[in-house]
PDB file of N, CA and C in Angstrom:
ATOM      1  N   MET A   1       0.812  -1.241  -0.200  1.00  0.00           N
ATOM      2  CA  MET A   1      -0.069   0.383   0.307  1.00  0.00           C
ATOM      3  C   MET A   1       1.326   1.110  -0.276  1.00  0.00           C
ATOM      4  N   PHE A   2       0.547   2.704  -1.423  1.00  0.00           N
ATOM      5  CA  PHE A   2       1.445   3.552  -0.751  1.00  0.00           C
ATOM      6  C   PHE A   2       0.491   4.748  -0.796  1.00  0.00           C
ATOM      7  N   THR A   3       1.213   5.713  -0.639  1.00  0.00           N
ATOM      8  CA  THR A   3      -0.215   6.413  -0.218  1.00  0.00           C
ATOM      9  C   THR A   3       0.911   7.849  -0.428  1.00  0.00           C
ATOM     10  N   VAL A   4       0.852   8.215  -2.073  1.00  0.00           N
ATOM     11  CA  VAL A   4       0.970   9.510  -2.648  1.00  0.00           C
ATOM     12  C   VAL A   4       0.884  10.475  -3.051  1.00  0.00           C
ATOM     13  N   CYS A   5       1.188  11.610  -3.804  1.00  0.00           N
ATOM     14  CA  CYS A   5       0.492  12.855  -4.881  1.00  0.00           C
ATOM     15  C   CYS A   5       0.364  12.641  -5.790  1.00  0.00           C
ATOM     16  N   LYS A   6       0.077  13.009  -7.111  1.00  0.00           N
ATOM     17  CA  LYS A   6      -0.040  12.892  -8.147  1.00  0.00           C
ATOM     18  C   LYS A   6       0.914  12.956  -8.361  1.00  0.00           C
ATOM     19  N   GLU A   7       1.972  13.833  -8.290  1.00  0.00           N
ATOM     20  CA  GLU A   7       3.255  13.412  -8.721  1.00  0.00           C
ATOM     21  C   GLU A   7       3.994  12.193  -8.885  1.00  0.00           C
ATOM     22  N   HIS A   8       4.060  11.584  -7.840  1.00  0.00           N
ATOM     23  CA  HIS A   8       4.613   9.936  -7.571  1.00  0.00           C
ATOM     24  C   HIS A   8       3.791   9.417  -7.804  1.00  0.00           C
ATOM     25  N   LEU A   9       2.367   9.222  -8.378  1.00  0.00           N
ATOM     26  CA  LEU A   9       1.736   7.997  -8.536  1.00  0.00           C
ATOM     27  C   LEU A   9       1.737   7.559  -9.281  1.00  0.00           C
ATOM     28  N   GLU A  10       3.019   7.822 -10.570  1.00  0.00           N
ATOM     29  CA  GLU A  10       3.336   6.459 -11.660  1.00  0.00           C
ATOM     30  C   GLU A  10       4.736   5.471 -10.688  1.00  0.00           C
ATOM     31  N   ILE A  11       5.135   6.589 -10.249  1.00  0.00           N
ATOM     32  CA  ILE A  11       5.926   5.310  -9.273  1.00  0.00           C
ATOM     33  C   ILE A  11       5.384   4.705  -8.359  1.00  0.00           C
ATOM     34  N   ALA A  12       4.089   4.638  -7.250  1.00  0.00           N
ATOM     35  CA  ALA A  12       4.190   3.618  -6.794  1.00  0.00           C
ATOM     36  C   ALA A  12       3.184   3.054  -7.513  1.00  0.00           C
ATOM     37  N   ILE A  13       2.717   3.032  -9.106  1.00  0.00           N
ATOM     38  CA  ILE A  13       1.963   2.279  -9.270  1.00  0.00           C
ATOM     39  C   ILE A  13       2.918   0.872  -9.980  1.00  0.00           C
ATOM     40  N   ASP A  14       4.135   1.443 -10.111  1.00  0.00           N
ATOM     41  CA  ASP A  14       5.324   1.045 -10.582  1.00  0.00           C
ATOM     42  C   ASP A  14       5.892  -0.816 -10.010  1.00  0.00           C
ATOM     43  N   GLN A  15       5.870   0.252  -8.810  1.00  0.00           N
ATOM     44  CA  GLN A  15       6.460  -0.526  -7.402  1.00  0.00           C
ATOM     45  C   GLN A  15       5.387  -1.466  -6.952  1.00  0.00           C
ATOM     46  N   PHE A  16       3.982  -0.910  -7.040  1.00  0.00           N
ATOM     47  CA  PHE A  16       3.408  -2.515  -6.595  1.00  0.00           C
ATOM     48  C   PHE A  16       3.054  -3.578  -7.293  1.00  0.00           C
ATOM     49  N   VAL A  17       3.317  -3.295  -8.837  1.00  0.00           N
ATOM     50  CA  VAL A  17       3.374  -4.009  -9.890  1.00  0.00           C
ATOM     51  C   VAL A  17       4.634  -5.391  -9.716  1.00  0.00           C
ATOM     52  N   ASP A  18       6.072  -4.296  -9.652  1.00  0.00           N
ATOM     53  CA  ASP A  18       7.447  -4.865  -8.973  1.00  0.00           C
ATOM     54  C   ASP A  18       6.720  -5.530  -8.202  1.00  0.00           C
ATOM     55  N   GLU A  19       6.203  -5.546  -7.207  1.00  0.00           N
ATOM     56  CA  GLU A  19       6.301  -6.192  -5.593  1.00  0.00           C
ATOM     57  C   GLU A  19       5.463  -7.683  -5.331  1.00  0.00           C
ATOM     58  N   TYR A  20       4.070  -7.058  -6.586  1.00  0.00           N
ATOM     59  CA  TYR A  20       2.779  -8.034  -6.293  1.00  0.00           C
ATOM     60  C   TYR A  20       2.293  -8.512  -7.925  1.00  0.00           C
ATOM     61  N   GLU A  21       2.859  -8.630  -9.353  1.00  0.00           N
ATOM     62  CA  GLU A  21       3.029  -8.746 -10.361  1.00  0.00           C
ATOM     63  C   GLU A  21       2.042  -8.814 -10.192  1.00  0.00           C
ATOM     64  N   ASP A  22       0.721  -7.927 -10.075  1.00  0.00           N
ATOM     65  CA  ASP A  22      -0.844  -7.263 -10.616  1.00  0.00           C
ATOM     66  C   ASP A  22      -1.114  -5.837 -10.291  1.00  0.00           C
ATOM     67  N   ALA A  23      -2.198  -5.835 -10.891  1.00  0.00           N
ATOM     68  CA  ALA A  23      -2.185  -4.371 -11.322  1.00  0.00           C
ATOM     69  C   ALA A  23      -2.961  -3.999  -9.567  1.00  0.00           C
ATOM     70  N   PRO A  24      -2.692  -2.621  -9.332  1.00  0.00           N
ATOM     71  CA  PRO A  24      -3.067  -2.103  -8.445  1.00  0.00           C
ATOM     72  C   PRO A  24      -4.593  -1.395  -8.663  1.00  0.00           C
ATOM     73  N   ASP A  25      -5.266  -1.157  -7.204  1.00  0.00           N
ATOM     74  CA  ASP A  25      -7.027  -0.355  -6.955  1.00  0.00           C
ATOM     75  C   ASP A  25      -5.775   0.617  -6.917  1.00  0.00           C
ATOM     76  N   ILE A  26      -6.504   2.199  -7.141  1.00  0.00           N
ATOM     77  CA  ILE A  26      -5.441   3.431  -6.613  1.00  0.00           C
ATOM     78  C   ILE A  26      -7.249   4.286  -6.167  1.00  0.00           C
ATOM     79  N   VAL A  27      -7.026   4.264  -5.596  1.00  0.00           N
ATOM     80  CA  VAL A  27      -8.600   5.376  -4.817  1.00  0.00           C
ATOM     81  C   VAL A  27      -7.790   6.412  -4.857  1.00  0.00           C
ATOM     82  N   ASP A  28      -9.160   7.789  -4.608  1.00  0.00           N
ATOM     83  CA  ASP A  28      -8.690   9.029  -4.832  1.00  0.00           C
ATOM     84  C   ASP A  28      -8.523   9.825  -3.005  1.00  0.00           C
ATOM     85  N   LEU A  29      -8.082  10.410  -2.516  1.00  0.00           N
ATOM     86  CA  LEU A  29      -7.954  10.467  -1.104  1.00  0.00           C
ATOM     87  C   LEU A  29      -8.892  11.197  -0.793  1.00  0.00           C
ATOM     88  N   ASP A  30      -9.199  12.312  -1.812  1.00  0.00           N
ATOM     89  CA  ASP A  30     -10.300  13.023  -1.598  1.00  0.00           C
ATOM     90  C   ASP A  30     -11.981  13.003  -1.879  1.00  0.00           C
ATOM     91  N   LYS A  31     -12.234  11.915  -2.049  1.00  0.00           N
ATOM     92  CA  LYS A  31     -13.391  11.106  -2.862  1.00  0.00           C
ATOM     93  C   LYS A  31     -13.942  10.383  -1.845  1.00  0.00           C
ATOM     94  N   VAL A  32     -12.852   9.571  -0.773  1.00  0.00           N
ATOM     95  CA  VAL A  32     -12.983   8.419  -0.110  1.00  0.00           C
ATOM     96  C   VAL A  32     -12.057   8.247   1.425  1.00  0.00           C
ATOM     97  N   SER A  33     -13.589   8.330   2.248  1.00  0.00           N
ATOM     98  CA  SER A  33     -12.542   8.325   3.835  1.00  0.00           C
ATOM     99  C   SER A  33     -13.201   6.705   4.498  1.00  0.00           C
ATOM    100  N   PHE A  34     -11.896   6.586   4.885  1.00  0.00           N
ATOM    101  CA  PHE A  34     -11.802   5.224   6.169  1.00  0.00           C
ATOM    102  C   PHE A  34     -12.415   5.584   7.359  1.00  0.00           C
ATOM    103  N   ALA A  35     -13.403   4.355   8.360  1.00  0.00           N
ATOM    104  CA  ALA A  35     -13.601   4.547   9.169  1.00  0.00           C
ATOM    105  C   ALA A  35     -12.367   4.605  10.149  1.00  0.00           C
ATOM    106  N   LYS A  36     -11.402   3.573  10.253  1.00  0.00           N
ATOM    107  CA  LYS A  36     -10.673   3.141  11.188  1.00  0.00           C
ATOM    108  C   LYS A  36      -9.044   3.821  10.542  1.00  0.00           C
ATOM    109  N   TRP A  37      -8.898   5.339   9.316  1.00  0.00           N
ATOM    110  CA  TRP A  37      -7.646   4.354   9.269  1.00  0.00           C
ATOM    111  C   TRP A  37      -7.275   6.256   8.623  1.00  0.00           C
ATOM    112  N   GLU A  38      -6.784   6.921   8.877  1.00  0.00           N
ATOM    113  CA  GLU A  38      -6.716   7.669   8.349  1.00  0.00           C
ATOM    114  C   GLU A  38      -5.096   8.071   7.645  1.00  0.00           C
ATOM    115  N   PRO A  39      -5.000   9.027   6.321  1.00  0.00           N
ATOM    116  CA  PRO A  39      -3.464   9.470   5.413  1.00  0.00           C
ATOM    117  C   PRO A  39      -2.163   9.412   6.251  1.00  0.00           C
ATOM    118  N   PRO A  40      -1.814   9.549   5.729  1.00  0.00           N
ATOM    119  CA  PRO A  40      -0.410   9.983   5.904  1.00  0.00           C
ATOM    120  C   PRO A  40      -0.773  11.384   6.126  1.00  0.00           C
ATOM    121  N   VAL A  41       0.319  12.423   6.195  1.00  0.00           N
ATOM    122  CA  VAL A  41       0.555  13.517   6.006  1.00  0.00           C
ATOM    123  C   VAL A  41       1.382  13.569   4.812  1.00  0.00           C
ATOM    124  N   HIS A  42       1.621  13.137   4.562  1.00  0.00           N
ATOM    125  CA  HIS A  42       3.289  13.288   3.512  1.00  0.00           C
ATOM    126  C   HIS A  42       2.615  12.606   2.429  1.00  0.00           C
ATOM    127  N   CYS A  43       3.568  12.874   1.188  1.00  0.00           N
ATOM    128  CA  CYS A  43       3.654  11.326   0.320  1.00  0.00           C
ATOM    129  C   CYS A  43       4.445  10.619   0.895  1.00  0.00           C
ATOM    130  N   GLU A  44       4.926   9.200   0.481  1.00  0.00           N
ATOM    131  CA  GLU A  44       5.654   8.878   0.430  1.00  0.00           C
ATOM    132  C   GLU A  44       6.791   9.869   0.213  1.00  0.00           C
ATOM    133  N   HIS A  45       6.836  10.241  -1.009  1.00  0.00           N
ATOM    134  CA  HIS A  45       8.206  10.380  -1.519  1.00  0.00           C
ATOM    135  C   HIS A  45       7.984  12.037  -1.696  1.00  0.00           C
ATOM    136  N   CYS A  46       7.347  12.079  -1.173  1.00  0.00           N
ATOM    137  CA  CYS A  46       8.125  13.995  -0.550  1.00  0.00           C
ATOM    138  C   CYS A  46       6.669  14.888   0.309  1.00  0.00           C
ATOM    139  N   GLN A  47       7.628  15.991   0.775  1.00  0.00           N
ATOM    140  CA  GLN A  47       6.741  16.699   1.837  1.00  0.00           C
ATOM    141  C   GLN A  47       4.942  17.001   1.293  1.00  0.00           C
ATOM    142  N   VAL A  48       4.047  16.855   0.030  1.00  0.00           N
ATOM    143  CA  VAL A  48       3.289  16.895  -0.258  1.00  0.00           C
ATOM    144  C   VAL A  48       1.917  16.314   0.290  1.00  0.00           C
ATOM    145  N   LYS A  49       1.019  16.535   0.678  1.00  0.00           N
ATOM    146  CA  LYS A  49      -0.443  16.091   0.593  1.00  0.00           C
ATOM    147  C   LYS A  49      -0.835  14.442  -0.006  1.00  0.00           C
ATOM    148  N   PRO A  50      -0.890  13.683   0.353  1.00  0.00           N
ATOM    149  CA  PRO A  50      -0.597  12.275  -0.380  1.00  0.00           C
ATOM    150  C   PRO A  50      -2.796  12.554  -0.628  1.00  0.00           C
ATOM    151  N   GLU A  51      -2.518  13.019  -2.018  1.00  0.00           N
ATOM    152  CA  GLU A  51      -3.629  12.724  -2.982  1.00  0.00           C
ATOM    153  C   GLU A  51      -4.706  11.692  -3.549  1.00  0.00           C
ATOM    154  N   TYR A  52      -3.630  10.127  -3.616  1.00  0.00           N
ATOM    155  CA  TYR A  52      -4.005   8.225  -3.271  1.00  0.00           C
ATOM    156  C   TYR A  52      -3.365   8.156  -3.355  1.00  0.00           C
ATOM    157  N   LEU A  53      -4.330   6.631  -2.968  1.00  0.00           N
ATOM    158  CA  LEU A  53      -3.927   5.311  -2.524  1.00  0.00           C
ATOM    159  C   LEU A  53      -3.786   4.572  -3.105  1.00  0.00           C
ATOM    160  N   VAL A  54      -2.530   3.299  -3.413  1.00  0.00           N
ATOM    161  CA  VAL A  54      -2.224   2.456  -4.504  1.00  0.00           C
ATOM    162  C   VAL A  54      -1.865   1.461  -3.619  1.00  0.00           C
ATOM    163  N   VAL A  55      -3.239   0.173  -3.721  1.00  0.00           N
ATOM    164  CA  VAL A  55      -3.946  -0.948  -3.709  1.00  0.00           C
ATOM    165  C   VAL A  55      -4.139  -2.651  -3.928  1.00  0.00           C
TER     166      VAL A  55
END
């Protein structure tokens, strides 16, 4: 699972495919919320607010 900004979305997709050898689901964090999970404050690759969850 990766939480990333728009700029790093392609990198996260590539990492997911390399690790799991399958296409990920991409969740827009502005449109979805989870009852028992809060997204990190920063993208995994920079200091920008994450926009996507790659699972």
